[in-house]
Amino acid sequence: MDPLQTTRQLAAELFPQAVWVILSGSVLTSARTAGSDLDIVVLLPDGSTGAPRRESLRYDGWPVELFVHDQASLAHYLAMDLPGRRPVLHRMVALGTVVTGDAAGTQAAARRTLQAGPAPLDQAEQDTIRYALTDLLDDLAHAPDGEQAVVATYAWLRTAEATLNFRNHWIGNGKWLLRELRDLDPAYADRWLAARGSTPAIRGLAEEVLTLAGGPLFAGYRVAGERG
């Protein structure tokens, strides 16, 4: 069944009181696969029971991920997207298709946030990323063969995140890490993909982003601890 039709049916059956319902995710794009699910954001009237919650279910043969909010919880979770620079809920709202109700204002605000990009990293955040990547490169140089592949994979992923962070771009989890790299710089994304499994190539990319950020950082790195 058509995913939009299924979502309308689900909304009418499970959320007749909804202010709006948005279908999001790859199911509506060229990235759709046989395993794509229905990512559905639901806004309920203030004071409704059952919000906020995330729920997984099957409906009419489809795997479904529900993200159910009222206005206060939606604002809260949208705000939680920003410090980690992973705007998952913003993307779902901004890029999804409204199947019932009027979400125009909410979608416009989410799109503005995505277009503006994340807040610049402060010095402490920059230093933490530089230190972590420097430490990984040290491990990569000295790890025994059995461990080197694990360290290399981890360094490969952290290099992508560091590149996005230092170029003031949103980052992402899983497939969204590659999608954000492609949005930032398709040629760099291709180089990053090609480096997978090659320790020298991963090291080269990591050193490249460290140079962009001011170079490796070890001596002098200091973080104050917290008292229990």
Protein backbone atom coordinates (compact mmCIF):
# COMPACT_ATOMS: atom_id res chain seq x y z
CA MET A 1 0.00 0.00 0.00
CA ASP A 2 1.08 3.57 -0.62
CA PRO A 3 2.88 4.90 2.49
CA LEU A 4 0.93 8.16 2.49
CA GLN A 5 -2.37 6.32 2.29
CA THR A 6 -1.29 3.98 5.08
CA THR A 7 -0.24 6.90 7.26
CA ARG A 8 -3.57 8.67 6.72
CA GLN A 9 -5.38 5.50 7.70
CA LEU A 10 -3.20 5.06 10.79
CA ALA A 11 -3.72 8.69 11.80
CA ALA A 12 -7.48 8.43 11.45
CA GLU A 13 -7.59 5.22 13.46
CA LEU A 14 -5.05 5.90 16.21
CA PHE A 15 -4.87 9.70 16.40
CA PRO A 16 -8.20 11.22 15.36
CA GLN A 17 -7.57 14.11 17.75
CA ALA A 18 -4.14 15.00 16.30
CA VAL A 19 -3.32 18.62 15.50
CA TRP A 20 -1.17 17.34 12.68
CA VAL A 21 0.63 14.22 11.50
CA ILE A 22 3.82 14.18 9.39
CA LEU A 23 5.25 11.22 7.51
CA SER A 24 9.03 11.44 7.18
CA GLY A 25 12.06 9.34 6.35
CA SER A 26 13.47 7.68 3.26
CA VAL A 27 10.20 5.93 2.40
CA LEU A 28 9.15 9.03 0.43
CA THR A 29 12.49 9.48 -1.35
CA SER A 30 14.71 7.76 -3.89
CA ALA A 31 16.60 6.29 -0.92
CA ARG A 32 13.65 4.02 -0.10
CA THR A 33 14.53 0.34 0.31
CA ALA A 34 12.60 -2.84 1.00
CA GLY A 35 13.36 -2.29 4.67
CA SER A 36 12.18 1.33 4.89
CA ASP A 37 9.75 2.04 7.68
CA LEU A 38 7.20 4.79 8.28
CA ASP A 39 8.65 7.51 10.51
CA ILE A 40 5.61 9.39 11.76
CA VAL A 41 5.60 12.51 13.93
CA VAL A 42 2.31 13.20 15.68
CA LEU A 43 1.35 16.42 17.43
CA LEU A 44 -1.47 15.98 19.94
CA PRO A 45 -3.45 18.75 21.64
CA ASP A 46 -1.90 20.08 24.84
CA GLY A 47 -2.84 18.00 27.84
CA SER A 48 -3.38 14.81 25.86
CA THR A 49 -2.37 11.54 27.45
CA GLY A 50 0.31 9.45 25.78
CA ALA A 51 2.68 12.28 24.92
CA PRO A 52 5.57 12.39 24.69
CA ARG A 53 6.46 8.88 23.64
CA ARG A 54 8.27 6.88 21.01
CA GLU A 55 6.61 3.67 19.92
CA SER A 56 7.43 0.96 17.38
CA LEU A 57 4.68 -1.14 15.84
CA ARG A 58 3.49 -2.81 12.66
CA TYR A 59 0.53 -1.42 10.78
CA ASP A 60 -0.96 -2.78 7.57
CA GLY A 61 2.26 -4.64 6.83
CA TRP A 62 4.52 -1.65 7.48
CA PRO A 63 7.08 -1.25 10.27
CA VAL A 64 6.21 2.05 11.96
CA GLU A 65 8.15 4.37 14.24
CA LEU A 66 5.90 6.84 16.07
CA PHE A 67 7.17 10.06 17.64
CA VAL A 68 4.24 11.43 19.61
CA HIS A 69 4.29 14.91 21.17
CA ASP A 70 2.22 17.78 22.43
CA GLN A 71 3.38 21.34 21.82
CA ALA A 72 5.51 21.58 24.96
CA SER A 73 7.27 18.26 24.46
CA LEU A 74 7.86 18.95 20.77
CA ALA A 75 9.57 22.24 21.63
CA HIS A 76 11.62 20.47 24.30
CA TYR A 77 12.84 17.70 22.01
CA LEU A 78 13.55 20.09 19.15
CA ALA A 79 15.73 22.10 21.53
CA MET A 80 17.50 18.89 22.62
CA ASP A 81 18.57 18.34 19.00
CA LEU A 82 20.79 21.38 18.93
CA PRO A 83 23.61 20.99 21.50
CA GLY A 84 24.63 17.62 20.02
CA ARG A 85 24.48 19.11 16.50
CA ARG A 86 22.35 16.14 15.35
CA PRO A 87 19.00 17.63 14.29
CA VAL A 88 17.09 14.35 13.96
CA LEU A 89 13.66 15.66 14.92
CA HIS A 90 14.19 18.89 12.98
CA ARG A 91 14.85 16.84 9.84
CA MET A 92 11.79 14.69 10.37
CA VAL A 93 9.54 17.71 10.80
CA ALA A 94 11.14 19.92 8.16
CA LEU A 95 11.53 17.32 5.41
CA GLY A 96 8.41 15.25 5.98
CA THR A 97 5.03 15.35 4.28
CA VAL A 98 1.97 16.49 6.20
CA VAL A 99 -0.78 13.90 5.96
CA THR A 100 -3.33 15.60 8.19
CA GLY A 101 -3.68 19.00 9.85
CA ASP A 102 -1.65 22.15 9.37
CA ALA A 103 2.03 22.01 10.31
CA ALA A 104 3.21 24.81 8.02
CA GLY A 105 4.51 27.06 10.80
CA THR A 106 6.34 24.27 12.60
CA GLN A 107 7.88 23.00 9.39
CA ALA A 108 9.03 26.47 8.37
CA ALA A 109 10.73 27.01 11.73
CA ALA A 110 12.47 23.64 11.52
CA ARG A 111 13.68 24.40 7.99
CA ARG A 112 15.11 27.74 9.11
CA THR A 113 17.04 25.96 11.86
CA LEU A 114 18.46 23.41 9.43
CA GLN A 115 19.44 26.09 6.93
CA ALA A 116 21.13 28.21 9.62
CA GLY A 117 23.37 25.36 10.69
CA PRO A 118 24.66 24.62 14.18
CA ALA A 119 26.08 27.18 16.56
CA PRO A 120 29.86 27.56 16.22
CA LEU A 121 31.96 25.32 18.46
CA ASP A 122 33.41 27.04 21.49
CA GLN A 123 37.12 26.62 22.29
CA ALA A 124 36.56 23.84 24.81
CA GLU A 125 34.51 21.86 22.29
CA GLN A 126 37.16 22.32 19.61
CA ASP A 127 39.91 21.21 22.00
CA THR A 128 37.99 18.11 23.05
CA ILE A 129 37.53 17.00 19.43
CA ARG A 130 41.18 17.73 18.59
CA TYR A 131 42.40 15.81 21.63
CA ALA A 132 40.19 12.79 20.94
CA LEU A 133 41.31 12.56 17.32
CA THR A 134 44.97 13.06 18.29
CA ASP A 135 44.64 10.22 20.80
CA LEU A 136 43.10 7.96 18.16
CA LEU A 137 45.97 8.65 15.77
CA ASP A 138 48.43 7.71 18.50
CA ASP A 139 46.55 4.46 19.08
CA LEU A 140 46.47 3.86 15.34
CA ALA A 141 50.26 4.15 15.17
CA HIS A 142 50.92 1.76 18.04
CA ALA A 143 48.01 -0.68 18.21
CA PRO A 144 48.80 -4.36 17.54
CA ASP A 145 47.36 -5.88 14.38
CA GLY A 146 44.34 -7.35 16.12
CA GLU A 147 43.31 -3.97 17.50
CA GLN A 148 44.37 -1.73 14.66
CA ALA A 149 41.36 -2.51 12.47
CA VAL A 150 39.01 -1.52 15.31
CA VAL A 151 40.91 1.69 16.02
CA ALA A 152 41.03 2.50 12.30
CA THR A 153 37.27 2.10 11.96
CA TYR A 154 36.64 4.28 14.96
CA ALA A 155 39.11 6.91 13.69
CA TRP A 156 37.40 6.84 10.29
CA LEU A 157 34.04 7.68 11.84
CA ARG A 158 35.41 10.31 14.22
CA THR A 159 37.25 11.95 11.32
CA ALA A 160 33.97 12.42 9.46
CA GLU A 161 32.32 13.92 12.55
CA ALA A 162 35.30 16.21 13.15
CA THR A 163 35.22 17.41 9.55
CA LEU A 164 31.55 18.30 9.83
CA ASN A 165 32.05 19.94 13.22
CA PHE A 166 35.05 22.03 12.23
CA ARG A 167 33.33 23.14 9.05
CA ASN A 168 30.30 24.14 11.11
CA HIS A 169 27.90 21.65 9.58
CA TRP A 170 25.27 19.43 11.15
CA ILE A 171 26.41 15.89 11.88
CA GLY A 172 24.40 12.68 11.86
CA ASN A 173 24.21 9.11 13.06
CA GLY A 174 24.43 6.04 10.84
CA LYS A 175 23.49 6.73 7.24
CA TRP A 176 23.00 10.39 8.08
CA LEU A 177 26.72 10.78 8.71
CA LEU A 178 27.37 10.08 5.03
CA ARG A 179 24.40 12.15 3.92
CA GLU A 180 25.69 15.16 5.84
CA LEU A 181 29.17 14.71 4.38
CA ARG A 182 27.67 14.62 0.90
CA ASP A 183 25.68 17.74 1.65
CA LEU A 184 28.83 19.49 2.86
CA ASP A 185 31.20 18.34 0.10
CA PRO A 186 30.41 15.44 -2.28
CA ALA A 187 34.04 15.07 -3.36
CA TYR A 188 35.22 14.85 0.25
CA ALA A 189 32.49 12.30 0.99
CA ASP A 190 33.82 10.15 -1.84
CA ARG A 191 37.37 10.38 -0.49
CA TRP A 192 36.15 9.48 2.99
CA LEU A 193 34.27 6.44 1.68
CA ALA A 194 37.30 5.33 -0.32
CA ALA A 195 39.49 5.52 2.79
CA ARG A 196 37.50 2.87 4.66
CA GLY A 197 39.72 -0.05 5.63
CA SER A 198 42.95 1.74 4.68
CA THR A 199 44.93 2.82 7.72
CA PRO A 200 47.22 5.21 5.77
CA ALA A 201 44.23 6.86 4.05
CA ILE A 202 42.33 7.24 7.32
CA ARG A 203 45.40 8.72 8.96
CA GLY A 204 45.74 11.17 6.09
CA LEU A 205 42.15 12.36 6.41
CA ALA A 206 42.45 12.66 10.19
CA GLU A 207 45.65 14.69 9.92
CA GLU A 208 43.95 16.87 7.30
CA VAL A 209 41.07 17.81 9.58
CA LEU A 210 43.41 18.34 12.52
CA THR A 211 45.40 20.80 10.42
CA LEU A 212 42.16 22.61 9.65
CA ALA A 213 41.44 22.84 13.39
CA GLY A 214 44.88 24.00 14.50
CA GLY A 215 46.86 20.78 14.60
CA PRO A 216 47.08 17.81 16.99
CA LEU A 217 46.45 18.49 20.67
CA PHE A 218 47.86 16.53 23.60
CA ALA A 219 50.19 18.47 25.88
CA GLY A 220 48.27 21.26 27.53
CA TYR A 221 44.83 19.72 27.15
CA ARG A 222 43.01 20.05 30.46
CA VAL A 223 39.40 19.57 31.56
CA ALA A 224 38.18 20.36 35.05
CA GLY A 225 36.39 17.49 36.75
CA GLU A 226 33.07 17.53 38.55
CA ARG A 227 32.56 16.95 42.26
CA GLY A 228 30.04 14.29 43.15
